[in-house]
Structures are given as structure tokens and as C-alpha cells.
Amino acid sequence: MGLFDRISKVFSSNINAMVSAAEDPEKMLEQALIDMNEDLVSLRQAVAQAIASQKRLEQQYNTNQQQASEWERRAKLALTKGDEALALEALNRKKTNTETALALKAQLEQSAAQVATLKKNMTALEGKISEAKTKKDMLIARARAAKASEQIQKVVGNINTSSSAALFERMENKVLEQEARSEAIAELSGSALESQFAQLESGDVNDELEELKRQIAGTPSTTGALPAASSPFPVDASSSPPSYQSTVPSDPDIDEIRRALEKN
């Protein structure tokens, strides 16, 4: 393939692409319908001309038929008057008119067939135009719907749904994190409160133990600060107070209390 052939093909392909891109279905259908109507007008004019020509042929045929009959009458009249020469001339004229009438009859038959064909084509074209009008409206509606759908798809395609979904996911994780932090704070606050109540309860038990010690020692209880009382047992000030388990003498009642404590 030569260089000029390649350039010609490239040029033709680009032109065809430009034409295809510029084609608007609605405008093209409107133009096609206009062209069909113009063809119908031309066909109607042709039918009218064919019918007019047919009528002229009919008139000429009828005229020659009448003239042929008239010359025959004249030939008979001349014979009755004894003028054979005049009768012969009249018969020659009749022959001419008869031949002309026969030729006109053949043309008239052809013209009639042509008019019938033109009328048939005109009727078919009128039907096609009527169908094209209905189809045009339907195709234009479909083209508009397709164009609107294409625009909607372009708008939807430009929407970044992934970033929106990621934003929702990130916000959900943040809310979950805040909820977990709130639950942790509430749990820690509850633990501290329980610890405080445990300390208070532990202090009550110690106070009750001191009260029992004072009752055993015969010291009256007071609500304020207690003075230092002498313990019935020797205590070394430098060391921590011994537990009651190591200083209290063995006693059956004490042993029973210890066993009860060990079970619980």
C-alpha cells in the first residue's frame, strides 16, 4: 500500500468518525422524514402529470374514433350521390384516423399502467411516511432516554463512593473507640469506689476488734481517741505486735473459733 493510499484511508476514517460523532439521532430522523415528504411531493407531481397525459391521450383517441366514424358516414354519402372519387378520399381519411386511434389506444394502455404503478408507489410511500412518523417519535423518545441515562451514569461515575464508605468506616471506628474509653473509665471509677468501701469495711472490723479487746480488758469504750492502754500481754516496742494466734494460750473455745475461721 502506497503512502498516498494510507493517507487517504486515515483522512477518510477521521472524516467518518467526525461525521458519526456529529450525527444526532433526533435531527437525522427529522431530516429523513423531510426527505421522504419531499419524495412524496415529487411522486404526487409525477402521478398528476401521468394522469394529465392519460387524459390527453383519451381525448385524442376519442377524437380520432369520432373522425373515423364521420369519414365513414361521408364516404357512404358520396357513394349514394354517385361520387366514388369523393367516397374513396373519405375512406382514406377514415383509415388515417383509425390507425391514429389504434396507436393512441396502445399509448393509452401504457399510460394507464404507468399511472397505476405511480399511484401504487405513492400509496406505499404515504404508508411508509406514516409509519416513519410513529417510529420517529418512538426512536426520539428512546434516544432521549438513552442520553439521559448516559448523563446519569456519568454523574454516578464521578461520585467517589469509596472515599465516602471509608469515611463512614473511620467514623464508626472512632465512635467504637470513644465507647470503649468511656466503659474503661466507668470500670476504673467503679473499682476505685469499691476499693474505698473495702477500706472502710476493713476499718470497721479493726475497730470492732479493738472494742472487743477493751471489753476484755475492762476498759469502757469511747467515741473519741483512745488513751494508750496497758496490754495484758508483754509487748516489745521495737517489734510489731504479735498476732493473737501466737500469744493467746491454748483454749478449747479459742480452738473452736480458729477452726470455724479456717473453714470459712
C-alpha atoms as a PDB file:
ATOM      1  CA  MET A   1       0.000   0.000   0.000  1.00  0.00           C
ATOM      2  CA  GLY A   2       1.398   3.333  -1.062  1.00  0.00           C
ATOM      3  CA  LEU A   3       1.832   6.372   1.127  1.00  0.00           C
ATOM      4  CA  PHE A   4      -0.964   8.303  -0.553  1.00  0.00           C
ATOM      5  CA  ASP A   5      -3.362   5.386  -0.145  1.00  0.00           C
ATOM      6  CA  ARG A   6      -2.574   5.234   3.582  1.00  0.00           C
ATOM      7  CA  ILE A   7      -3.050   8.985   3.956  1.00  0.00           C
ATOM      8  CA  SER A   8      -6.333   8.764   2.090  1.00  0.00           C
ATOM      9  CA  LYS A   9      -7.590   5.967   4.364  1.00  0.00           C
ATOM     10  CA  VAL A  10      -6.539   7.870   7.501  1.00  0.00           C
ATOM     11  CA  PHE A  11      -8.258  11.000   6.231  1.00  0.00           C
ATOM     12  CA  SER A  12     -11.417   9.061   5.321  1.00  0.00           C
ATOM     13  CA  SER A  13     -11.529   7.279   8.683  1.00  0.00           C
ATOM     14  CA  ASN A  14     -11.152  10.559  10.574  1.00  0.00           C
ATOM     15  CA  ILE A  15     -13.870  12.199   8.481  1.00  0.00           C
ATOM     16  CA  ASN A  16     -16.199   9.227   9.062  1.00  0.00           C
ATOM     17  CA  ALA A  17     -15.525   9.362  12.800  1.00  0.00           C
ATOM     18  CA  MET A  18     -16.265  13.078  12.888  1.00  0.00           C
ATOM     19  CA  VAL A  19     -19.482  12.598  10.919  1.00  0.00           C
ATOM     20  CA  SER A  20     -20.583   9.729  13.167  1.00  0.00           C
ATOM     21  CA  ALA A  21     -19.892  11.781  16.270  1.00  0.00           C
ATOM     22  CA  ALA A  22     -21.819  14.735  14.852  1.00  0.00           C
ATOM     23  CA  GLU A  23     -24.875  12.652  13.961  1.00  0.00           C
ATOM     24  CA  ASP A  24     -27.802  13.459  16.227  1.00  0.00           C
ATOM     25  CA  PRO A  25     -30.486  10.730  16.029  1.00  0.00           C
ATOM     26  CA  GLU A  26     -33.303  13.227  16.550  1.00  0.00           C
ATOM     27  CA  LYS A  27     -32.075  15.580  13.831  1.00  0.00           C
ATOM     28  CA  MET A  28     -31.255  12.740  11.451  1.00  0.00           C
ATOM     29  CA  LEU A  29     -34.749  11.256  11.821  1.00  0.00           C
ATOM     30  CA  GLU A  30     -36.325  14.650  11.277  1.00  0.00           C
ATOM     31  CA  GLN A  31     -34.246  15.130   8.130  1.00  0.00           C
ATOM     32  CA  ALA A  32     -35.115  11.638   6.869  1.00  0.00           C
ATOM     33  CA  LEU A  33     -38.802  12.394   7.320  1.00  0.00           C
ATOM     34  CA  ILE A  34     -38.396  15.704   5.475  1.00  0.00           C
ATOM     35  CA  ASP A  35     -36.685  13.882   2.601  1.00  0.00           C
ATOM     36  CA  MET A  36     -39.495  11.310   2.450  1.00  0.00           C
ATOM     37  CA  ASN A  37     -42.104  14.046   2.340  1.00  0.00           C
ATOM     38  CA  GLU A  38     -40.192  15.739  -0.468  1.00  0.00           C
ATOM     39  CA  ASP A  39     -40.129  12.445  -2.367  1.00  0.00           C
ATOM     40  CA  LEU A  40     -43.867  12.125  -1.809  1.00  0.00           C
ATOM     41  CA  VAL A  41     -44.440  15.594  -3.235  1.00  0.00           C
ATOM     42  CA  SER A  42     -42.353  14.730  -6.285  1.00  0.00           C
ATOM     43  CA  LEU A  43     -44.216  11.439  -6.721  1.00  0.00           C
ATOM     44  CA  ARG A  44     -47.575  13.171  -6.469  1.00  0.00           C
ATOM     45  CA  GLN A  45     -46.491  15.626  -9.156  1.00  0.00           C
ATOM     46  CA  ALA A  46     -45.418  12.728 -11.364  1.00  0.00           C
ATOM     47  CA  VAL A  47     -48.757  10.989 -10.825  1.00  0.00           C
ATOM     48  CA  ALA A  48     -50.616  14.189 -11.655  1.00  0.00           C
ATOM     49  CA  GLN A  49     -48.594  14.606 -14.871  1.00  0.00           C
ATOM     50  CA  ALA A  50     -49.172  10.970 -15.839  1.00  0.00           C
ATOM     51  CA  ILE A  51     -52.896  11.322 -15.256  1.00  0.00           C
ATOM     52  CA  ALA A  52     -52.991  14.537 -17.323  1.00  0.00           C
ATOM     53  CA  SER A  53     -51.110  12.811 -20.139  1.00  0.00           C
ATOM     54  CA  GLN A  54     -53.515   9.890 -19.948  1.00  0.00           C
ATOM     55  CA  LYS A  55     -56.497  12.206 -20.230  1.00  0.00           C
ATOM     56  CA  ARG A  56     -54.985  13.923 -23.301  1.00  0.00           C
ATOM     57  CA  LEU A  57     -54.455  10.550 -24.940  1.00  0.00           C
ATOM     58  CA  GLU A  58     -58.027   9.608 -24.185  1.00  0.00           C
ATOM     59  CA  GLN A  59     -59.247  12.813 -25.760  1.00  0.00           C
ATOM     60  CA  GLN A  60     -57.100  12.278 -28.864  1.00  0.00           C
ATOM     61  CA  TYR A  61     -58.228   8.650 -29.120  1.00  0.00           C
ATOM     62  CA  ASN A  62     -61.881   9.602 -28.838  1.00  0.00           C
ATOM     63  CA  THR A  63     -61.420  12.394 -31.382  1.00  0.00           C
ATOM     64  CA  ASN A  64     -59.825  10.076 -33.952  1.00  0.00           C
ATOM     65  CA  GLN A  65     -62.510   7.480 -33.344  1.00  0.00           C
ATOM     66  CA  GLN A  66     -65.203  10.082 -33.944  1.00  0.00           C
ATOM     67  CA  GLN A  67     -63.461  11.394 -37.068  1.00  0.00           C
ATOM     68  CA  ALA A  68     -63.075   7.874 -38.430  1.00  0.00           C
ATOM     69  CA  SER A  69     -66.794   7.327 -37.935  1.00  0.00           C
ATOM     70  CA  GLU A  70     -67.555  10.682 -39.534  1.00  0.00           C
ATOM     71  CA  TRP A  71     -65.434   9.950 -42.650  1.00  0.00           C
ATOM     72  CA  GLU A  72     -67.142   6.587 -42.988  1.00  0.00           C
ATOM     73  CA  ARG A  73     -70.512   8.370 -42.964  1.00  0.00           C
ATOM     74  CA  ARG A  74     -69.277  10.810 -45.586  1.00  0.00           C
ATOM     75  CA  ALA A  75     -67.975   8.001 -47.771  1.00  0.00           C
ATOM     76  CA  LYS A  76     -71.391   6.380 -47.688  1.00  0.00           C
ATOM     77  CA  LEU A  77     -72.997   9.704 -48.503  1.00  0.00           C
ATOM     78  CA  ALA A  78     -70.676  10.216 -51.505  1.00  0.00           C
ATOM     79  CA  LEU A  79     -71.480   6.762 -52.827  1.00  0.00           C
ATOM     80  CA  THR A  80     -75.160   7.440 -52.545  1.00  0.00           C
ATOM     81  CA  LYS A  81     -74.595  10.598 -54.564  1.00  0.00           C
ATOM     82  CA  GLY A  82     -72.608   8.598 -57.177  1.00  0.00           C
ATOM     83  CA  ASP A  83     -69.224  10.248 -56.424  1.00  0.00           C
ATOM     84  CA  GLU A  84     -66.847   7.330 -55.978  1.00  0.00           C
ATOM     85  CA  ALA A  85     -63.730   9.508 -56.034  1.00  0.00           C
ATOM     86  CA  LEU A  86     -65.053  11.550 -53.151  1.00  0.00           C
ATOM     87  CA  ALA A  87     -66.077   8.383 -51.347  1.00  0.00           C
ATOM     88  CA  LEU A  88     -62.550   6.947 -51.830  1.00  0.00           C
ATOM     89  CA  GLU A  89     -60.990  10.098 -50.390  1.00  0.00           C
ATOM     90  CA  ALA A  90     -63.301   9.906 -47.404  1.00  0.00           C
ATOM     91  CA  LEU A  91     -62.312   6.272 -46.815  1.00  0.00           C
ATOM     92  CA  ASN A  92     -58.627   7.209 -46.918  1.00  0.00           C
ATOM     93  CA  ARG A  93     -59.242   9.838 -44.216  1.00  0.00           C
ATOM     94  CA  LYS A  94     -61.133   7.249 -42.193  1.00  0.00           C
ATOM     95  CA  LYS A  95     -58.186   4.877 -42.468  1.00  0.00           C
ATOM     96  CA  THR A  96     -55.796   7.548 -41.212  1.00  0.00           C
ATOM     97  CA  ASN A  97     -57.972   8.358 -38.212  1.00  0.00           C
ATOM     98  CA  THR A  98     -58.462   4.686 -37.432  1.00  0.00           C
ATOM     99  CA  GLU A  99     -54.719   3.980 -37.489  1.00  0.00           C
ATOM    100  CA  THR A 100     -54.084   7.026 -35.320  1.00  0.00           C
ATOM    101  CA  ALA A 101     -56.759   5.872 -32.885  1.00  0.00           C
ATOM    102  CA  LEU A 102     -55.163   2.421 -32.695  1.00  0.00           C
ATOM    103  CA  ALA A 103     -51.749   3.951 -31.938  1.00  0.00           C
ATOM    104  CA  LEU A 104     -53.272   6.216 -29.345  1.00  0.00           C
ATOM    105  CA  LYS A 105     -55.023   3.247 -27.769  1.00  0.00           C
ATOM    106  CA  ALA A 106     -51.705   1.446 -27.269  1.00  0.00           C
ATOM    107  CA  GLN A 107     -50.188   4.589 -25.708  1.00  0.00           C
ATOM    108  CA  LEU A 108     -53.275   4.965 -23.566  1.00  0.00           C
ATOM    109  CA  GLU A 109     -52.898   1.462 -22.209  1.00  0.00           C
ATOM    110  CA  GLN A 110     -49.238   2.090 -21.350  1.00  0.00           C
ATOM    111  CA  SER A 111     -50.144   5.390 -19.704  1.00  0.00           C
ATOM    112  CA  ALA A 112     -52.851   3.724 -17.645  1.00  0.00           C
ATOM    113  CA  ALA A 113     -50.380   1.078 -16.441  1.00  0.00           C
ATOM    114  CA  GLN A 114     -47.860   3.793 -15.608  1.00  0.00           C
ATOM    115  CA  VAL A 115     -50.457   5.793 -13.681  1.00  0.00           C
ATOM    116  CA  ALA A 116     -51.493   2.685 -11.743  1.00  0.00           C
ATOM    117  CA  THR A 117     -47.862   1.977 -10.824  1.00  0.00           C
ATOM    118  CA  LEU A 118     -47.263   5.568  -9.747  1.00  0.00           C
ATOM    119  CA  LYS A 119     -50.411   5.551  -7.633  1.00  0.00           C
ATOM    120  CA  LYS A 120     -49.362   2.282  -6.022  1.00  0.00           C
ATOM    121  CA  ASN A 121     -45.896   3.687  -5.231  1.00  0.00           C
ATOM    122  CA  MET A 122     -47.452   6.859  -3.878  1.00  0.00           C
ATOM    123  CA  THR A 123     -49.750   4.887  -1.581  1.00  0.00           C
ATOM    124  CA  ALA A 124     -46.802   2.786  -0.371  1.00  0.00           C
ATOM    125  CA  LEU A 125     -44.728   5.904   0.277  1.00  0.00           C
ATOM    126  CA  GLU A 126     -47.578   7.509   2.198  1.00  0.00           C
ATOM    127  CA  GLY A 127     -47.782   4.365   4.362  1.00  0.00           C
ATOM    128  CA  LYS A 128     -44.024   4.420   4.940  1.00  0.00           C
ATOM    129  CA  ILE A 129     -44.160   8.098   5.921  1.00  0.00           C
ATOM    130  CA  SER A 130     -46.995   7.435   8.364  1.00  0.00           C
ATOM    131  CA  GLU A 131     -45.054   4.526   9.842  1.00  0.00           C
ATOM    132  CA  ALA A 132     -41.878   6.595   9.916  1.00  0.00           C
ATOM    133  CA  LYS A 133     -43.629   9.358  11.867  1.00  0.00           C
ATOM    134  CA  THR A 134     -44.721   6.883  14.538  1.00  0.00           C
ATOM    135  CA  LYS A 135     -41.325   5.200  14.583  1.00  0.00           C
ATOM    136  CA  LYS A 136     -39.572   8.563  14.642  1.00  0.00           C
ATOM    137  CA  ASP A 137     -41.401   9.620  17.813  1.00  0.00           C
ATOM    138  CA  MET A 138     -40.557   6.292  19.443  1.00  0.00           C
ATOM    139  CA  LEU A 139     -36.891   6.417  18.417  1.00  0.00           C
ATOM    140  CA  ILE A 140     -36.557  10.036  19.540  1.00  0.00           C
ATOM    141  CA  ALA A 141     -38.022   9.107  22.936  1.00  0.00           C
ATOM    142  CA  ARG A 142     -35.595   6.177  23.208  1.00  0.00           C
ATOM    143  CA  ALA A 143     -32.668   8.374  22.144  1.00  0.00           C
ATOM    144  CA  ARG A 144     -33.561  10.993  24.744  1.00  0.00           C
ATOM    145  CA  ALA A 145     -33.928   8.315  27.429  1.00  0.00           C
ATOM    146  CA  ALA A 146     -30.559   6.816  26.461  1.00  0.00           C
ATOM    147  CA  LYS A 147     -28.925  10.248  26.545  1.00  0.00           C
ATOM    148  CA  ALA A 148     -30.407  10.995  29.980  1.00  0.00           C
ATOM    149  CA  SER A 149     -29.280   7.589  31.249  1.00  0.00           C
ATOM    150  CA  GLU A 150     -25.776   8.223  29.911  1.00  0.00           C
ATOM    151  CA  GLN A 151     -25.611  11.572  31.705  1.00  0.00           C
ATOM    152  CA  ILE A 152     -26.820   9.966  34.945  1.00  0.00           C
ATOM    153  CA  GLN A 153     -24.199   7.233  34.623  1.00  0.00           C
ATOM    154  CA  LYS A 154     -21.509   9.861  34.114  1.00  0.00           C
ATOM    155  CA  VAL A 155     -22.640  11.721  37.240  1.00  0.00           C
ATOM    156  CA  VAL A 156     -22.734   8.488  39.238  1.00  0.00           C
ATOM    157  CA  GLY A 157     -19.312   7.541  37.901  1.00  0.00           C
ATOM    158  CA  ASN A 158     -17.853  10.838  39.082  1.00  0.00           C
ATOM    159  CA  ILE A 159     -19.093  10.234  42.634  1.00  0.00           C
ATOM    160  CA  ASN A 160     -16.318   8.776  44.788  1.00  0.00           C
ATOM    161  CA  THR A 161     -18.272   6.213  46.784  1.00  0.00           C
ATOM    162  CA  SER A 162     -15.123   4.517  48.107  1.00  0.00           C
ATOM    163  CA  SER A 163     -13.987   7.647  49.968  1.00  0.00           C
ATOM    164  CA  SER A 164     -17.451   8.104  51.472  1.00  0.00           C
ATOM    165  CA  ALA A 165     -17.518   4.477  52.600  1.00  0.00           C
ATOM    166  CA  ALA A 166     -14.047   4.854  54.093  1.00  0.00           C
ATOM    167  CA  LEU A 167     -15.195   7.983  55.933  1.00  0.00           C
ATOM    168  CA  PHE A 168     -18.159   6.139  57.445  1.00  0.00           C
ATOM    169  CA  GLU A 169     -15.909   3.263  58.479  1.00  0.00           C
ATOM    170  CA  ARG A 170     -13.411   5.626  60.083  1.00  0.00           C
ATOM    171  CA  MET A 171     -16.138   7.466  61.972  1.00  0.00           C
ATOM    172  CA  GLU A 172     -17.583   4.145  63.154  1.00  0.00           C
ATOM    173  CA  ASN A 173     -14.184   3.093  64.489  1.00  0.00           C
ATOM    174  CA  LYS A 174     -13.837   6.428  66.259  1.00  0.00           C
ATOM    175  CA  VAL A 175     -17.259   6.021  67.900  1.00  0.00           C
ATOM    176  CA  LEU A 176     -16.338   2.480  68.989  1.00  0.00           C
ATOM    177  CA  GLU A 177     -13.082   3.796  70.423  1.00  0.00           C
ATOM    178  CA  GLN A 178     -14.917   6.505  72.366  1.00  0.00           C
ATOM    179  CA  GLU A 179     -17.408   3.958  73.708  1.00  0.00           C
ATOM    180  CA  ALA A 180     -14.581   1.631  74.809  1.00  0.00           C
ATOM    181  CA  ARG A 181     -12.766   4.514  76.526  1.00  0.00           C
ATOM    182  CA  SER A 182     -15.981   5.533  78.316  1.00  0.00           C
ATOM    183  CA  GLU A 183     -16.557   1.958  79.512  1.00  0.00           C
ATOM    184  CA  ALA A 184     -12.959   1.712  80.720  1.00  0.00           C
ATOM    185  CA  ILE A 185     -13.259   4.960  82.679  1.00  0.00           C
ATOM    186  CA  ALA A 186     -16.522   3.783  84.211  1.00  0.00           C
ATOM    187  CA  GLU A 187     -14.953   0.445  85.138  1.00  0.00           C
ATOM    188  CA  LEU A 188     -11.924   2.130  86.720  1.00  0.00           C
ATOM    189  CA  SER A 189     -14.147   4.529  88.652  1.00  0.00           C
ATOM    190  CA  GLY A 190     -16.220   1.619  89.948  1.00  0.00           C
ATOM    191  CA  SER A 191     -13.091  -0.273  91.041  1.00  0.00           C
ATOM    192  CA  ALA A 192     -11.796   2.762  92.956  1.00  0.00           C
ATOM    193  CA  LEU A 193     -15.174   3.195  94.661  1.00  0.00           C
ATOM    194  CA  GLU A 194     -15.297  -0.466  95.658  1.00  0.00           C
ATOM    195  CA  SER A 195     -11.744  -0.196  96.975  1.00  0.00           C
ATOM    196  CA  GLN A 196     -12.714   2.758  99.149  1.00  0.00           C
ATOM    197  CA  PHE A 197     -15.715   0.888 100.531  1.00  0.00           C
ATOM    198  CA  ALA A 198     -13.497  -2.149 101.178  1.00  0.00           C
ATOM    199  CA  GLN A 199     -11.078   0.025 103.153  1.00  0.00           C
ATOM    200  CA  LEU A 200     -13.978   1.438 105.162  1.00  0.00           C
ATOM    201  CA  GLU A 201     -15.312  -2.037 105.853  1.00  0.00           C
ATOM    202  CA  SER A 202     -11.832  -3.211 106.849  1.00  0.00           C
ATOM    203  CA  GLY A 203     -11.524  -0.268 109.234  1.00  0.00           C
ATOM    204  CA  ASP A 204     -14.844  -1.200 110.845  1.00  0.00           C
ATOM    205  CA  VAL A 205     -13.596  -4.729 111.530  1.00  0.00           C
ATOM    206  CA  ASN A 206     -10.404  -3.410 113.127  1.00  0.00           C
ATOM    207  CA  ASP A 207     -12.400  -1.008 115.258  1.00  0.00           C
ATOM    208  CA  GLU A 208     -14.625  -3.858 116.353  1.00  0.00           C
ATOM    209  CA  LEU A 209     -11.537  -5.892 117.273  1.00  0.00           C
ATOM    210  CA  GLU A 210     -10.179  -3.059 119.394  1.00  0.00           C
ATOM    211  CA  GLU A 211     -13.602  -2.739 121.035  1.00  0.00           C
ATOM    212  CA  LEU A 212     -13.545  -6.428 121.929  1.00  0.00           C
ATOM    213  CA  LYS A 213     -10.049  -6.051 123.339  1.00  0.00           C
ATOM    214  CA  ARG A 214     -11.196  -3.150 125.521  1.00  0.00           C
ATOM    215  CA  GLN A 215     -14.164  -5.127 126.733  1.00  0.00           C
ATOM    216  CA  ILE A 216     -11.921  -8.000 127.739  1.00  0.00           C
ATOM    217  CA  ALA A 217      -9.545  -5.628 129.455  1.00  0.00           C
ATOM    218  CA  GLY A 218     -12.480  -3.940 131.264  1.00  0.00           C
ATOM    219  CA  THR A 219     -11.891  -0.513 129.638  1.00  0.00           C
ATOM    220  CA  PRO A 220     -15.022   1.480 128.746  1.00  0.00           C
ATOM    221  CA  SER A 221     -15.436   2.337 125.073  1.00  0.00           C
ATOM    222  CA  THR A 222     -15.306   5.956 123.879  1.00  0.00           C
ATOM    223  CA  THR A 223     -16.157   7.609 120.619  1.00  0.00           C
ATOM    224  CA  GLY A 224     -13.075   9.822 120.572  1.00  0.00           C
ATOM    225  CA  ALA A 225      -9.439   8.967 120.558  1.00  0.00           C
ATOM    226  CA  LEU A 226      -8.480   6.158 122.932  1.00  0.00           C
ATOM    227  CA  PRO A 227      -5.680   6.655 125.503  1.00  0.00           C
ATOM    228  CA  ALA A 228      -2.849   4.231 125.457  1.00  0.00           C
ATOM    229  CA  ALA A 229      -3.896   1.140 127.470  1.00  0.00           C
ATOM    230  CA  SER A 230      -1.640  -1.384 129.051  1.00  0.00           C
ATOM    231  CA  SER A 231      -1.881  -4.697 127.313  1.00  0.00           C
ATOM    232  CA  PRO A 232      -2.300  -7.794 129.466  1.00  0.00           C
ATOM    233  CA  PHE A 233       0.458  -9.277 127.459  1.00  0.00           C
ATOM    234  CA  PRO A 234       4.085  -8.038 127.330  1.00  0.00           C
ATOM    235  CA  VAL A 235       4.804  -6.149 124.149  1.00  0.00           C
ATOM    236  CA  ASP A 236       8.141  -5.284 122.715  1.00  0.00           C
ATOM    237  CA  ALA A 237       8.001  -1.693 121.450  1.00  0.00           C
ATOM    238  CA  SER A 238      10.680  -2.259 118.812  1.00  0.00           C
ATOM    239  CA  SER A 239       8.809  -5.044 117.106  1.00  0.00           C
ATOM    240  CA  SER A 240       5.375  -5.303 115.529  1.00  0.00           C
ATOM    241  CA  PRO A 241       2.538  -6.529 117.738  1.00  0.00           C
ATOM    242  CA  PRO A 242       2.310 -10.308 117.716  1.00  0.00           C
ATOM    243  CA  SER A 243      -0.826 -11.906 116.372  1.00  0.00           C
ATOM    244  CA  TYR A 244      -3.391 -13.364 118.680  1.00  0.00           C
ATOM    245  CA  GLN A 245      -2.611 -16.804 117.345  1.00  0.00           C
ATOM    246  CA  SER A 246       0.876 -16.846 118.860  1.00  0.00           C
ATOM    247  CA  THR A 247       0.193 -15.079 122.199  1.00  0.00           C
ATOM    248  CA  VAL A 248      -3.216 -16.346 123.293  1.00  0.00           C
ATOM    249  CA  PRO A 249      -2.884 -19.570 125.374  1.00  0.00           C
ATOM    250  CA  SER A 250      -4.474 -22.682 124.004  1.00  0.00           C
ATOM    251  CA  ASP A 251      -8.114 -22.839 124.920  1.00  0.00           C
ATOM    252  CA  PRO A 252     -10.893 -25.112 123.673  1.00  0.00           C
ATOM    253  CA  ASP A 253     -13.154 -22.175 122.837  1.00  0.00           C
ATOM    254  CA  ILE A 254     -10.355 -20.390 121.016  1.00  0.00           C
ATOM    255  CA  ASP A 255      -9.528 -23.505 119.058  1.00  0.00           C
ATOM    256  CA  GLU A 256     -13.151 -23.856 118.016  1.00  0.00           C
ATOM    257  CA  ILE A 257     -13.194 -20.256 116.756  1.00  0.00           C
ATOM    258  CA  ARG A 258      -9.989 -20.870 114.795  1.00  0.00           C
ATOM    259  CA  ARG A 259     -11.421 -23.963 113.152  1.00  0.00           C
ATOM    260  CA  ALA A 260     -14.544 -22.048 112.171  1.00  0.00           C
ATOM    261  CA  LEU A 261     -12.400 -19.310 110.638  1.00  0.00           C
ATOM    262  CA  GLU A 262     -10.317 -21.803 108.693  1.00  0.00           C
ATOM    263  CA  LYS A 263     -13.477 -23.415 107.247  1.00  0.00           C
ATOM    264  CA  ASN A 264     -14.799 -20.075 106.044  1.00  0.00           C
END
